[in-house]
N, C-alpha and C. Protein backbone atom coordinates (compact mmCIF):
# COMPACT_ATOMS: atom_id res chain seq x y z
N MET A 1 -10.36 -18.55 5.83
CA MET A 1 -9.54 -17.36 5.77
C MET A 1 -10.07 -16.43 4.68
N ARG A 2 -10.16 -15.18 4.99
CA ARG A 2 -10.69 -14.16 4.07
C ARG A 2 -9.68 -13.84 2.98
N LEU A 3 -10.18 -13.64 1.77
CA LEU A 3 -9.32 -13.23 0.66
C LEU A 3 -8.87 -11.80 0.88
N PRO A 4 -7.69 -11.46 0.35
CA PRO A 4 -7.24 -10.07 0.46
C PRO A 4 -8.16 -9.13 -0.32
N CYS A 5 -8.01 -7.88 -0.05
CA CYS A 5 -8.79 -6.86 -0.73
C CYS A 5 -8.52 -6.92 -2.22
N CYS A 6 -9.57 -6.93 -3.00
CA CYS A 6 -9.42 -7.06 -4.45
C CYS A 6 -9.94 -5.81 -5.14
N ILE A 7 -9.73 -5.75 -6.44
CA ILE A 7 -10.15 -4.61 -7.24
C ILE A 7 -11.60 -4.27 -6.95
N GLY A 8 -11.84 -3.03 -6.60
CA GLY A 8 -13.20 -2.54 -6.36
C GLY A 8 -13.71 -2.69 -4.94
N ASP A 9 -13.06 -3.53 -4.13
CA ASP A 9 -13.55 -3.79 -2.78
C ASP A 9 -13.61 -2.54 -1.91
N ASP A 10 -12.70 -1.62 -2.10
CA ASP A 10 -12.63 -0.44 -1.24
C ASP A 10 -13.11 0.84 -1.91
N ASP A 11 -13.68 0.73 -3.07
CA ASP A 11 -14.11 1.93 -3.80
C ASP A 11 -15.06 2.80 -2.97
N TYR A 12 -16.06 2.18 -2.35
CA TYR A 12 -17.04 2.95 -1.58
C TYR A 12 -16.38 3.60 -0.37
N ARG A 13 -15.57 2.82 0.34
CA ARG A 13 -14.88 3.35 1.52
C ARG A 13 -13.95 4.49 1.13
N ASN A 14 -13.19 4.32 0.05
CA ASN A 14 -12.30 5.39 -0.42
C ASN A 14 -13.09 6.65 -0.74
N LYS A 15 -14.22 6.49 -1.42
CA LYS A 15 -15.05 7.64 -1.78
C LYS A 15 -15.53 8.37 -0.53
N CYS A 16 -15.94 7.63 0.47
CA CYS A 16 -16.41 8.27 1.72
C CYS A 16 -15.31 9.09 2.37
N PHE A 17 -14.10 8.54 2.44
CA PHE A 17 -12.98 9.28 3.02
C PHE A 17 -12.64 10.51 2.17
N LEU A 18 -12.56 10.33 0.86
CA LEU A 18 -12.23 11.44 -0.02
C LEU A 18 -13.28 12.53 0.05
N ASP A 19 -14.55 12.15 0.08
CA ASP A 19 -15.64 13.12 0.19
C ASP A 19 -15.56 13.91 1.51
N ALA A 20 -14.99 13.29 2.55
CA ALA A 20 -14.84 13.94 3.84
C ALA A 20 -13.55 14.76 3.92
N GLY A 21 -12.79 14.81 2.81
CA GLY A 21 -11.58 15.62 2.79
C GLY A 21 -10.32 14.89 3.24
N TRP A 22 -10.40 13.60 3.41
CA TRP A 22 -9.24 12.83 3.84
C TRP A 22 -8.36 12.49 2.64
N VAL A 23 -7.11 12.16 2.92
CA VAL A 23 -6.19 11.62 1.91
C VAL A 23 -6.12 10.12 2.16
N VAL A 24 -6.31 9.34 1.12
CA VAL A 24 -6.29 7.89 1.25
C VAL A 24 -4.98 7.36 0.67
N ILE A 25 -4.25 6.63 1.50
CA ILE A 25 -3.01 5.98 1.06
C ILE A 25 -3.18 4.50 1.35
N ARG A 26 -2.97 3.70 0.35
CA ARG A 26 -3.09 2.24 0.52
C ARG A 26 -1.82 1.58 0.04
N PHE A 27 -1.36 0.64 0.82
CA PHE A 27 -0.22 -0.20 0.45
C PHE A 27 -0.66 -1.65 0.50
N ALA A 28 -0.04 -2.46 -0.31
CA ALA A 28 -0.22 -3.90 -0.20
C ALA A 28 0.58 -4.37 1.01
N GLU A 29 0.10 -5.38 1.68
CA GLU A 29 0.83 -5.93 2.82
C GLU A 29 2.26 -6.28 2.42
N GLU A 30 2.43 -6.82 1.24
CA GLU A 30 3.75 -7.20 0.75
C GLU A 30 4.68 -6.00 0.63
N GLN A 31 4.15 -4.84 0.23
CA GLN A 31 4.96 -3.63 0.16
C GLN A 31 5.42 -3.21 1.56
N VAL A 32 4.52 -3.26 2.51
CA VAL A 32 4.86 -2.86 3.89
C VAL A 32 5.90 -3.80 4.49
N VAL A 33 5.73 -5.09 4.23
CA VAL A 33 6.67 -6.09 4.77
C VAL A 33 8.05 -5.96 4.14
N ASN A 34 8.08 -5.82 2.81
CA ASN A 34 9.36 -5.85 2.09
C ASN A 34 9.98 -4.48 1.85
N GLN A 35 9.19 -3.41 1.95
CA GLN A 35 9.69 -2.08 1.63
C GLN A 35 9.22 -1.03 2.65
N PRO A 36 9.38 -1.28 3.94
CA PRO A 36 8.82 -0.35 4.93
C PRO A 36 9.36 1.08 4.81
N VAL A 37 10.63 1.23 4.55
CA VAL A 37 11.20 2.58 4.46
C VAL A 37 10.70 3.28 3.20
N ARG A 38 10.53 2.52 2.13
CA ARG A 38 9.99 3.09 0.90
C ARG A 38 8.55 3.56 1.11
N CYS A 39 7.79 2.80 1.88
CA CYS A 39 6.41 3.21 2.20
C CYS A 39 6.44 4.50 3.01
N CYS A 40 7.37 4.59 3.95
CA CYS A 40 7.52 5.82 4.74
C CYS A 40 7.86 7.00 3.85
N ARG A 41 8.71 6.77 2.85
CA ARG A 41 9.05 7.83 1.90
C ARG A 41 7.80 8.33 1.19
N PHE A 42 6.96 7.40 0.76
CA PHE A 42 5.74 7.77 0.06
C PHE A 42 4.85 8.64 0.97
N ILE A 43 4.68 8.20 2.21
CA ILE A 43 3.86 8.95 3.18
C ILE A 43 4.46 10.33 3.43
N ALA A 44 5.77 10.40 3.59
CA ALA A 44 6.44 11.68 3.81
C ALA A 44 6.21 12.63 2.64
N ASN A 45 6.27 12.10 1.42
CA ASN A 45 6.02 12.94 0.24
C ASN A 45 4.59 13.44 0.19
N VAL A 46 3.64 12.61 0.58
CA VAL A 46 2.24 13.04 0.62
C VAL A 46 2.07 14.12 1.68
N LEU A 47 2.66 13.91 2.86
CA LEU A 47 2.58 14.92 3.93
C LEU A 47 3.18 16.24 3.47
N ALA A 48 4.30 16.18 2.79
CA ALA A 48 4.95 17.40 2.30
C ALA A 48 4.04 18.12 1.31
N LYS A 49 3.41 17.36 0.45
CA LYS A 49 2.52 17.96 -0.55
C LYS A 49 1.29 18.59 0.10
N VAL A 50 0.73 17.90 1.08
CA VAL A 50 -0.49 18.39 1.74
C VAL A 50 -0.21 19.59 2.63
N THR A 51 0.91 19.55 3.35
CA THR A 51 1.20 20.60 4.33
C THR A 51 2.10 21.70 3.80
N GLY A 52 2.83 21.41 2.73
CA GLY A 52 3.80 22.38 2.23
C GLY A 52 5.11 22.35 3.00
N ASN A 53 5.22 21.48 3.99
CA ASN A 53 6.43 21.35 4.80
C ASN A 53 7.27 20.20 4.24
N THR A 54 8.39 20.53 3.64
CA THR A 54 9.22 19.52 2.99
C THR A 54 10.30 18.94 3.90
N ALA A 55 10.32 19.35 5.15
CA ALA A 55 11.38 18.89 6.07
C ALA A 55 11.36 17.37 6.23
N ILE A 56 10.18 16.79 6.35
CA ILE A 56 10.11 15.34 6.60
C ILE A 56 10.53 14.53 5.39
N ASN A 57 10.14 14.95 4.19
CA ASN A 57 10.49 14.11 3.04
C ASN A 57 11.97 14.22 2.68
N LYS A 58 12.66 15.23 3.16
CA LYS A 58 14.11 15.34 2.93
C LYS A 58 14.86 14.19 3.60
N GLN A 59 14.30 13.66 4.67
CA GLN A 59 14.92 12.53 5.37
C GLN A 59 14.94 11.27 4.51
N PHE A 60 14.07 11.23 3.51
CA PHE A 60 13.94 10.04 2.67
C PHE A 60 14.44 10.30 1.25
N ALA A 61 15.21 11.34 1.06
CA ALA A 61 15.68 11.73 -0.27
C ALA A 61 16.49 10.63 -0.95
N ASP A 62 17.22 9.84 -0.18
CA ASP A 62 18.07 8.79 -0.75
C ASP A 62 17.37 7.43 -0.82
N VAL A 63 16.11 7.39 -0.45
CA VAL A 63 15.35 6.14 -0.46
C VAL A 63 14.63 6.00 -1.80
N LEU A 64 14.71 4.83 -2.38
CA LEU A 64 14.02 4.57 -3.64
C LEU A 64 12.51 4.63 -3.46
N PRO A 65 11.77 4.94 -4.50
CA PRO A 65 10.31 4.93 -4.42
C PRO A 65 9.80 3.51 -4.20
N VAL A 66 8.63 3.42 -3.59
CA VAL A 66 7.99 2.12 -3.38
C VAL A 66 7.67 1.51 -4.75
N THR A 67 7.91 0.22 -4.86
CA THR A 67 7.63 -0.49 -6.11
C THR A 67 6.12 -0.66 -6.25
N PRO A 68 5.53 -0.16 -7.32
CA PRO A 68 4.08 -0.29 -7.49
C PRO A 68 3.66 -1.75 -7.63
N MET A 69 2.46 -2.03 -7.16
CA MET A 69 1.88 -3.37 -7.30
C MET A 69 0.47 -3.22 -7.84
N LYS A 70 0.12 -4.09 -8.75
CA LYS A 70 -1.24 -4.08 -9.26
C LYS A 70 -2.16 -4.72 -8.23
N GLN A 71 -3.37 -4.17 -8.12
CA GLN A 71 -4.35 -4.77 -7.23
C GLN A 71 -4.87 -6.05 -7.87
N TRP A 72 -5.13 -7.04 -7.06
CA TRP A 72 -5.53 -8.34 -7.58
C TRP A 72 -7.01 -8.40 -7.89
N SER A 73 -7.33 -9.21 -8.87
CA SER A 73 -8.73 -9.58 -9.09
C SER A 73 -9.05 -10.68 -8.08
N ARG A 74 -10.31 -10.96 -7.87
CA ARG A 74 -10.69 -12.02 -6.94
C ARG A 74 -10.14 -13.37 -7.43
N ARG A 75 -10.17 -13.57 -8.73
CA ARG A 75 -9.67 -14.83 -9.31
C ARG A 75 -8.17 -14.99 -9.04
N HIS A 76 -7.42 -13.92 -9.26
CA HIS A 76 -5.97 -13.96 -9.02
C HIS A 76 -5.69 -14.19 -7.54
N ALA A 77 -6.43 -13.52 -6.67
CA ALA A 77 -6.23 -13.68 -5.23
C ALA A 77 -6.48 -15.12 -4.80
N THR A 78 -7.52 -15.74 -5.37
CA THR A 78 -7.83 -17.13 -5.05
C THR A 78 -6.69 -18.05 -5.48
N SER A 79 -6.15 -17.79 -6.66
CA SER A 79 -5.02 -18.58 -7.17
C SER A 79 -3.80 -18.42 -6.27
N LEU A 80 -3.50 -17.19 -5.88
CA LEU A 80 -2.34 -16.95 -5.01
C LEU A 80 -2.52 -17.59 -3.64
N LYS A 81 -3.75 -17.57 -3.15
CA LYS A 81 -4.05 -18.19 -1.86
C LYS A 81 -3.76 -19.69 -1.91
N LYS A 82 -4.18 -20.33 -2.99
CA LYS A 82 -3.94 -21.77 -3.15
C LYS A 82 -2.45 -22.08 -3.21
N LYS A 83 -1.67 -21.15 -3.76
CA LYS A 83 -0.22 -21.34 -3.89
C LYS A 83 0.54 -20.89 -2.64
N LYS A 84 -0.21 -20.44 -1.63
CA LYS A 84 0.38 -19.96 -0.37
C LYS A 84 1.39 -18.84 -0.61
N TYR A 85 1.04 -17.94 -1.51
CA TYR A 85 1.90 -16.82 -1.87
C TYR A 85 2.25 -15.96 -0.65
N ARG A 86 1.27 -15.66 0.17
CA ARG A 86 1.48 -14.80 1.34
C ARG A 86 2.53 -15.40 2.28
N GLN A 87 2.44 -16.69 2.52
CA GLN A 87 3.38 -17.34 3.42
C GLN A 87 4.82 -17.22 2.89
N ARG A 88 4.97 -17.23 1.57
CA ARG A 88 6.32 -17.10 0.99
C ARG A 88 6.94 -15.74 1.29
N TYR A 89 6.19 -14.65 1.08
CA TYR A 89 6.83 -13.36 1.32
C TYR A 89 6.88 -13.01 2.80
N LEU A 90 6.10 -13.69 3.61
CA LEU A 90 6.21 -13.50 5.06
C LEU A 90 7.22 -14.47 5.68
N SER A 91 7.76 -15.36 4.87
CA SER A 91 8.72 -16.37 5.32
C SER A 91 8.16 -17.24 6.41
N VAL A 92 6.87 -17.57 6.29
CA VAL A 92 6.19 -18.44 7.25
C VAL A 92 6.24 -19.86 6.69
N THR A 93 6.60 -20.81 7.53
CA THR A 93 6.65 -22.20 7.06
C THR A 93 5.46 -22.98 7.53
């Protein structure tokens, strides 16, 4: 099984997208699983900022911001993998 994306793994890919004028939004899988509406709020706020249209982010005005997560080092990811961390937040037995 492949380790999750770790610090620095996506730097080149992010740079390519940014250089092409794209907006890069990244969430941890755990954020998407546990905070899907909060992730939508974040995306709506980015869309409002990019387009100037605030109609969409008004729908999420009462939603709390997504809880930030630090990106893992490869060492930390390996440790979490051994502890089956992912299975815990996915409620997989």
